Amino acid sequence: MNFLEKLDFLLKQKNMNKLQLSKATGIPYTTIDSFYKKGYDNIKLSTLLKLSNYFQCTLDYLVDDDAAKKETEIPENTKILAELYEVAQTLSEKEQLYLLDTIKSLKKLLNEKDKHTP
């Protein structure tokens, strides 16, 4: 799969279009649209990083055409992490820290439960 095929796949996974991706990532719509019209040979690293962070995938996956053979589909938990990221972005920094502490506490509680479960 090439970059555009992967981008289309990732967009489909999130049920979104190029405009929604632009708004979610801060990448100008014209930049995203130009990938399809003019190509993506000179794509900026900063743009790739935004896409990688948003879709929770590696840079290798985005840019290496052979990565599709190594990584044929996005792990299921990536969808959950992406949704969690989207929700967290809407929170204030204080609320994000509270959410992080809550997740860490829950993880600790679940680990303790696992230790006591035969």
N, C-alpha and C. Protein backbone atom coordinates (compact mmCIF):
# COMPACT_ATOMS: atom_id res chain seq x y z
N MET A 1 0.85 -1.19 0.00
CA MET A 1 0.00 0.00 0.00
C MET A 1 0.89 1.24 0.00
N ASN A 2 0.51 2.22 -0.78
CA ASN A 2 1.25 3.47 -0.76
C ASN A 2 0.63 4.43 0.27
N PHE A 3 1.22 5.59 0.40
CA PHE A 3 0.78 6.56 1.41
C PHE A 3 -0.69 6.90 1.27
N LEU A 4 -1.15 7.18 0.05
CA LEU A 4 -2.55 7.57 -0.14
C LEU A 4 -3.51 6.43 0.18
N GLU A 5 -3.13 5.23 -0.18
CA GLU A 5 -3.97 4.07 0.15
C GLU A 5 -4.08 3.91 1.67
N LYS A 6 -2.96 4.11 2.35
CA LYS A 6 -2.98 4.02 3.82
C LYS A 6 -3.80 5.15 4.42
N LEU A 7 -3.65 6.36 3.88
CA LEU A 7 -4.43 7.49 4.39
C LEU A 7 -5.92 7.25 4.18
N ASP A 8 -6.28 6.75 3.01
CA ASP A 8 -7.69 6.41 2.75
C ASP A 8 -8.19 5.34 3.73
N PHE A 9 -7.36 4.34 3.97
CA PHE A 9 -7.71 3.28 4.91
C PHE A 9 -7.94 3.84 6.31
N LEU A 10 -7.02 4.69 6.75
CA LEU A 10 -7.13 5.28 8.09
C LEU A 10 -8.36 6.18 8.19
N LEU A 11 -8.62 6.94 7.15
CA LEU A 11 -9.82 7.79 7.15
C LEU A 11 -11.09 6.93 7.22
N LYS A 12 -11.10 5.86 6.47
CA LYS A 12 -12.26 4.96 6.48
C LYS A 12 -12.46 4.34 7.86
N GLN A 13 -11.36 3.97 8.50
CA GLN A 13 -11.44 3.38 9.83
C GLN A 13 -12.10 4.33 10.83
N LYS A 14 -11.88 5.62 10.64
CA LYS A 14 -12.44 6.63 11.55
C LYS A 14 -13.72 7.25 11.00
N ASN A 15 -14.18 6.75 9.85
CA ASN A 15 -15.38 7.30 9.22
C ASN A 15 -15.30 8.81 9.08
N MET A 16 -14.21 9.28 8.49
CA MET A 16 -14.05 10.71 8.33
C MET A 16 -13.56 11.05 6.93
N ASN A 17 -13.66 12.32 6.58
CA ASN A 17 -13.20 12.77 5.28
C ASN A 17 -12.00 13.70 5.45
N LYS A 18 -11.49 14.22 4.33
CA LYS A 18 -10.29 15.06 4.36
C LYS A 18 -10.52 16.35 5.16
N LEU A 19 -11.68 16.93 5.04
CA LEU A 19 -11.97 18.17 5.77
C LEU A 19 -11.98 17.91 7.29
N GLN A 20 -12.60 16.82 7.69
CA GLN A 20 -12.62 16.49 9.11
C GLN A 20 -11.21 16.20 9.63
N LEU A 21 -10.41 15.54 8.80
CA LEU A 21 -9.02 15.27 9.18
C LEU A 21 -8.26 16.57 9.35
N SER A 22 -8.49 17.50 8.46
CA SER A 22 -7.83 18.80 8.53
C SER A 22 -8.16 19.50 9.85
N LYS A 23 -9.42 19.51 10.19
CA LYS A 23 -9.85 20.17 11.44
C LYS A 23 -9.29 19.45 12.67
N ALA A 24 -9.25 18.13 12.62
CA ALA A 24 -8.78 17.34 13.78
C ALA A 24 -7.28 17.45 14.00
N THR A 25 -6.53 17.62 12.93
CA THR A 25 -5.07 17.60 13.04
C THR A 25 -4.42 18.98 12.94
N GLY A 26 -5.16 19.94 12.41
CA GLY A 26 -4.57 21.26 12.19
C GLY A 26 -3.78 21.35 10.89
N ILE A 27 -3.82 20.29 10.11
CA ILE A 27 -3.16 20.30 8.80
C ILE A 27 -4.12 21.00 7.83
N PRO A 28 -3.65 22.02 7.11
CA PRO A 28 -4.55 22.71 6.18
C PRO A 28 -5.21 21.74 5.19
N TYR A 29 -6.47 21.98 4.92
CA TYR A 29 -7.20 21.13 3.98
C TYR A 29 -6.50 21.10 2.62
N THR A 30 -5.98 22.25 2.19
CA THR A 30 -5.31 22.32 0.90
C THR A 30 -4.09 21.40 0.85
N THR A 31 -3.43 21.25 1.98
CA THR A 31 -2.27 20.35 2.04
C THR A 31 -2.71 18.91 1.84
N ILE A 32 -3.75 18.52 2.56
CA ILE A 32 -4.26 17.15 2.46
C ILE A 32 -4.78 16.89 1.04
N ASP A 33 -5.54 17.83 0.52
CA ASP A 33 -6.10 17.67 -0.82
C ASP A 33 -5.00 17.59 -1.88
N SER A 34 -3.91 18.34 -1.66
CA SER A 34 -2.82 18.32 -2.65
C SER A 34 -2.09 16.98 -2.70
N PHE A 35 -2.15 16.19 -1.62
CA PHE A 35 -1.56 14.85 -1.67
C PHE A 35 -2.19 14.06 -2.82
N TYR A 36 -3.50 14.23 -2.98
CA TYR A 36 -4.25 13.49 -3.99
C TYR A 36 -4.08 14.10 -5.38
N LYS A 37 -3.92 15.42 -5.43
CA LYS A 37 -3.85 16.10 -6.73
C LYS A 37 -2.43 16.23 -7.26
N LYS A 38 -1.47 16.50 -6.38
CA LYS A 38 -0.10 16.79 -6.81
C LYS A 38 0.92 15.75 -6.37
N GLY A 39 0.50 14.85 -5.48
CA GLY A 39 1.42 13.86 -4.97
C GLY A 39 1.92 14.21 -3.58
N TYR A 40 2.68 13.31 -3.02
CA TYR A 40 3.10 13.46 -1.62
C TYR A 40 4.60 13.24 -1.45
N ASP A 41 5.35 13.36 -2.55
CA ASP A 41 6.79 13.11 -2.49
C ASP A 41 7.52 14.05 -1.53
N ASN A 42 7.07 15.28 -1.41
CA ASN A 42 7.77 16.26 -0.58
C ASN A 42 7.00 16.60 0.69
N ILE A 43 6.29 15.64 1.23
CA ILE A 43 5.50 15.86 2.43
C ILE A 43 6.42 16.23 3.60
N LYS A 44 6.01 17.21 4.37
CA LYS A 44 6.82 17.67 5.50
C LYS A 44 6.78 16.65 6.64
N LEU A 45 7.89 16.57 7.34
CA LEU A 45 7.96 15.69 8.50
C LEU A 45 6.93 16.10 9.55
N SER A 46 6.74 17.40 9.73
CA SER A 46 5.76 17.87 10.73
C SER A 46 4.35 17.39 10.38
N THR A 47 4.04 17.33 9.09
CA THR A 47 2.73 16.84 8.66
C THR A 47 2.61 15.35 8.93
N LEU A 48 3.66 14.62 8.61
CA LEU A 48 3.66 13.17 8.88
C LEU A 48 3.51 12.89 10.37
N LEU A 49 4.19 13.69 11.18
CA LEU A 49 4.09 13.49 12.63
C LEU A 49 2.67 13.75 13.13
N LYS A 50 2.03 14.78 12.60
CA LYS A 50 0.64 15.05 12.99
C LYS A 50 -0.27 13.89 12.62
N LEU A 51 -0.07 13.36 11.42
CA LEU A 51 -0.89 12.22 10.98
C LEU A 51 -0.60 10.99 11.83
N SER A 52 0.67 10.73 12.08
CA SER A 52 1.07 9.59 12.88
C SER A 52 0.48 9.67 14.29
N ASN A 53 0.58 10.84 14.88
CA ASN A 53 0.03 11.01 16.23
C ASN A 53 -1.49 10.88 16.24
N TYR A 54 -2.14 11.47 15.26
CA TYR A 54 -3.59 11.42 15.22
C TYR A 54 -4.10 9.99 15.03
N PHE A 55 -3.49 9.28 14.10
CA PHE A 55 -3.95 7.92 13.80
C PHE A 55 -3.29 6.87 14.69
N GLN A 56 -2.40 7.31 15.58
CA GLN A 56 -1.71 6.40 16.49
C GLN A 56 -1.04 5.26 15.72
N CYS A 57 -0.27 5.64 14.72
CA CYS A 57 0.48 4.66 13.94
C CYS A 57 1.91 5.17 13.81
N THR A 58 2.80 4.32 13.36
CA THR A 58 4.19 4.71 13.23
C THR A 58 4.42 5.50 11.94
N LEU A 59 5.50 6.26 11.94
CA LEU A 59 5.89 6.95 10.72
C LEU A 59 6.22 5.93 9.64
N ASP A 60 6.86 4.83 10.03
CA ASP A 60 7.17 3.77 9.07
C ASP A 60 5.93 3.29 8.35
N TYR A 61 4.87 3.10 9.12
CA TYR A 61 3.63 2.62 8.51
C TYR A 61 3.15 3.59 7.44
N LEU A 62 3.24 4.89 7.72
CA LEU A 62 2.76 5.88 6.77
C LEU A 62 3.61 5.98 5.52
N VAL A 63 4.93 5.92 5.68
CA VAL A 63 5.81 6.24 4.54
C VAL A 63 6.44 5.04 3.85
N ASP A 64 6.49 3.91 4.51
CA ASP A 64 7.13 2.74 3.92
C ASP A 64 6.08 1.88 3.22
N ASP A 65 6.17 1.81 1.89
CA ASP A 65 5.18 1.04 1.14
C ASP A 65 5.19 -0.43 1.53
N ASP A 66 6.32 -0.93 2.00
CA ASP A 66 6.41 -2.33 2.43
C ASP A 66 5.86 -2.54 3.84
N ALA A 67 5.61 -1.46 4.56
CA ALA A 67 5.09 -1.59 5.92
C ALA A 67 3.74 -2.27 5.94
N ALA A 68 2.99 -2.15 4.84
CA ALA A 68 1.68 -2.79 4.78
C ALA A 68 1.82 -4.30 4.88
N LYS A 69 2.92 -4.82 4.37
CA LYS A 69 3.15 -6.26 4.46
C LYS A 69 3.46 -6.66 5.90
N LYS A 70 4.15 -5.78 6.60
CA LYS A 70 4.53 -6.06 7.99
C LYS A 70 3.37 -5.80 8.94
N GLU A 71 2.55 -4.82 8.59
CA GLU A 71 1.51 -4.33 9.49
C GLU A 71 0.24 -4.16 8.67
N THR A 72 -0.46 -5.26 8.41
CA THR A 72 -1.55 -5.22 7.45
C THR A 72 -2.79 -4.48 7.95
N GLU A 73 -2.96 -4.41 9.26
CA GLU A 73 -4.09 -3.63 9.73
C GLU A 73 -3.76 -3.00 11.07
N ILE A 74 -4.50 -1.99 11.38
CA ILE A 74 -4.28 -1.25 12.62
C ILE A 74 -4.82 -2.10 13.77
N PRO A 75 -4.05 -2.21 14.85
CA PRO A 75 -4.54 -2.97 16.00
C PRO A 75 -5.87 -2.40 16.50
N GLU A 76 -6.72 -3.28 16.98
CA GLU A 76 -8.06 -2.89 17.42
C GLU A 76 -7.99 -1.80 18.49
N ASN A 77 -7.02 -1.91 19.42
CA ASN A 77 -6.98 -0.93 20.49
C ASN A 77 -6.61 0.46 20.00
N THR A 78 -6.10 0.58 18.77
CA THR A 78 -5.77 1.88 18.22
C THR A 78 -7.02 2.73 18.08
N LYS A 79 -8.12 2.12 17.71
CA LYS A 79 -9.38 2.85 17.58
C LYS A 79 -9.78 3.42 18.94
N ILE A 80 -9.62 2.61 19.98
CA ILE A 80 -9.98 3.04 21.33
C ILE A 80 -9.05 4.17 21.78
N LEU A 81 -7.76 4.02 21.53
CA LEU A 81 -6.81 5.05 21.91
C LEU A 81 -7.07 6.36 21.15
N ALA A 82 -7.42 6.24 19.88
CA ALA A 82 -7.73 7.44 19.10
C ALA A 82 -8.96 8.14 19.65
N GLU A 83 -9.96 7.37 20.03
CA GLU A 83 -11.17 7.97 20.60
C GLU A 83 -10.86 8.62 21.94
N LEU A 84 -10.06 7.95 22.74
CA LEU A 84 -9.66 8.51 24.03
C LEU A 84 -8.89 9.82 23.83
N TYR A 85 -8.01 9.84 22.84
CA TYR A 85 -7.24 11.04 22.52
C TYR A 85 -8.16 12.18 22.12
N GLU A 86 -9.14 11.88 21.28
CA GLU A 86 -10.08 12.90 20.84
C GLU A 86 -10.84 13.50 22.02
N VAL A 87 -11.29 12.65 22.92
CA VAL A 87 -12.02 13.12 24.10
C VAL A 87 -11.09 13.96 24.98
N ALA A 88 -9.87 13.47 25.20
CA ALA A 88 -8.93 14.17 26.06
C ALA A 88 -8.60 15.56 25.52
N GLN A 89 -8.57 15.71 24.21
CA GLN A 89 -8.28 17.02 23.61
C GLN A 89 -9.32 18.07 23.96
N THR A 90 -10.53 17.63 24.28
CA THR A 90 -11.59 18.58 24.60
C THR A 90 -11.54 19.02 26.06
N LEU A 91 -10.68 18.40 26.86
CA LEU A 91 -10.60 18.70 28.28
C LEU A 91 -9.53 19.74 28.56
N SER A 92 -9.70 20.42 29.69
CA SER A 92 -8.66 21.35 30.13
C SER A 92 -7.45 20.54 30.60
N GLU A 93 -6.32 21.21 30.77
CA GLU A 93 -5.12 20.50 31.23
C GLU A 93 -5.36 19.85 32.59
N LYS A 94 -6.05 20.53 33.47
CA LYS A 94 -6.36 19.99 34.79
C LYS A 94 -7.22 18.74 34.67
N GLU A 95 -8.21 18.78 33.78
CA GLU A 95 -9.08 17.62 33.57
C GLU A 95 -8.30 16.47 32.94
N GLN A 96 -7.38 16.79 32.03
CA GLN A 96 -6.54 15.75 31.42
C GLN A 96 -5.68 15.06 32.47
N LEU A 97 -5.10 15.83 33.37
CA LEU A 97 -4.28 15.25 34.44
C LEU A 97 -5.13 14.37 35.36
N TYR A 98 -6.35 14.82 35.65
CA TYR A 98 -7.26 14.02 36.47
C TYR A 98 -7.60 12.70 35.76
N LEU A 99 -7.86 12.79 34.46
CA LEU A 99 -8.15 11.59 33.67
C LEU A 99 -6.96 10.64 33.69
N LEU A 100 -5.77 11.17 33.50
CA LEU A 100 -4.57 10.34 33.53
C LEU A 100 -4.40 9.66 34.88
N ASP A 101 -4.57 10.41 35.96
CA ASP A 101 -4.47 9.81 37.30
C ASP A 101 -5.53 8.73 37.50
N THR A 102 -6.72 8.97 37.00
CA THR A 102 -7.80 7.98 37.12
C THR A 102 -7.45 6.70 36.37
N ILE A 103 -6.91 6.84 35.17
CA ILE A 103 -6.53 5.67 34.38
C ILE A 103 -5.41 4.90 35.07
N LYS A 104 -4.43 5.62 35.59
CA LYS A 104 -3.33 4.95 36.30
C LYS A 104 -3.84 4.22 37.54
N SER A 105 -4.76 4.84 38.28
CA SER A 105 -5.34 4.20 39.46
C SER A 105 -6.13 2.95 39.08
N LEU A 106 -6.88 3.05 38.00
CA LEU A 106 -7.66 1.91 37.53
C LEU A 106 -6.74 0.78 37.09
N LYS A 107 -5.68 1.11 36.40
CA LYS A 107 -4.71 0.09 35.96
C LYS A 107 -4.10 -0.61 37.17
N LYS A 108 -3.73 0.17 38.17
CA LYS A 108 -3.14 -0.40 39.39
C LYS A 108 -4.15 -1.33 40.08
N LEU A 109 -5.39 -0.89 40.15
CA LEU A 109 -6.44 -1.70 40.77
C LEU A 109 -6.65 -3.00 40.00
N LEU A 110 -6.67 -2.93 38.67
CA LEU A 110 -6.85 -4.13 37.86
C LEU A 110 -5.65 -5.08 37.98
N ASN A 111 -4.46 -4.52 38.06
CA ASN A 111 -3.26 -5.36 38.26
C ASN A 111 -3.31 -6.07 39.59
N GLU A 112 -3.76 -5.38 40.61
CA GLU A 112 -3.89 -6.00 41.94
C GLU A 112 -4.94 -7.11 41.91
N LYS A 113 -6.04 -6.86 41.22
CA LYS A 113 -7.10 -7.86 41.10
C LYS A 113 -6.57 -9.11 40.39
N ASP A 114 -5.79 -8.91 39.33
CA ASP A 114 -5.21 -10.04 38.58
C ASP A 114 -4.29 -10.86 39.43
N LYS A 115 -3.56 -10.21 40.34
CA LYS A 115 -2.62 -10.93 41.21
C LYS A 115 -3.36 -11.87 42.17
N HIS A 116 -4.57 -11.47 42.55
CA HIS A 116 -5.32 -12.26 43.52
C HIS A 116 -6.31 -13.22 42.88
N THR A 117 -6.39 -13.21 41.57
CA THR A 117 -7.29 -14.10 40.85
C THR A 117 -6.51 -15.36 40.46
N PRO A 118 -7.02 -16.55 40.87
CA PRO A 118 -6.28 -17.80 40.55
C PRO A 118 -6.24 -18.13 39.09
